[in-house]
Amino acid sequence: MSKSAIKNSQTLKQLNSRKAKLEVDIEQMRVSEKEIKDKLKKASEQMGKINLEITNATGTEPIVTEHALIRYMERVMEVDLDIVRNKILTEDLSAKIIALGSGKYSIQEKYFAVVKGMSVISIV
């Protein structure tokens, strides 16, 4: 066999090896693509169900959202929300949150601040 034939044979072997690797990669990508499409379809179906529930929950009577209530108190009733915020987030509560993190902490004798991470998310 001549040197050029040997070189061509080696080149062909390398090319076939690269081709085989790419074929495997492409097949793996096709499998991944199918999985992603399936997940996307499922998530879209769930979104449709949630949108339907939102539509059903809205009903036919007007409502006032919590955001609107807060803005009304702040702007129309002129309630200073910083004063309210400071009544909730006292130095004592801040220290508990920093030390202990998420949980339920007693405030003003009969109420609890519900804390998630570093945020007070509810009063119960």
Foldseek 3Di string as FASTA:
>chain_A
DDPVVVVVVVVVVVVVVVVVVVVVVVVVVVVVVVVVVVVVVVVVVVVVVVVVVVVVVCDDDDDQDPVNVVVCCCPVVVDDVVVVVCLVCDPVNQVCCVVPNADWDDHPHPKTFGGHGNDRDDID
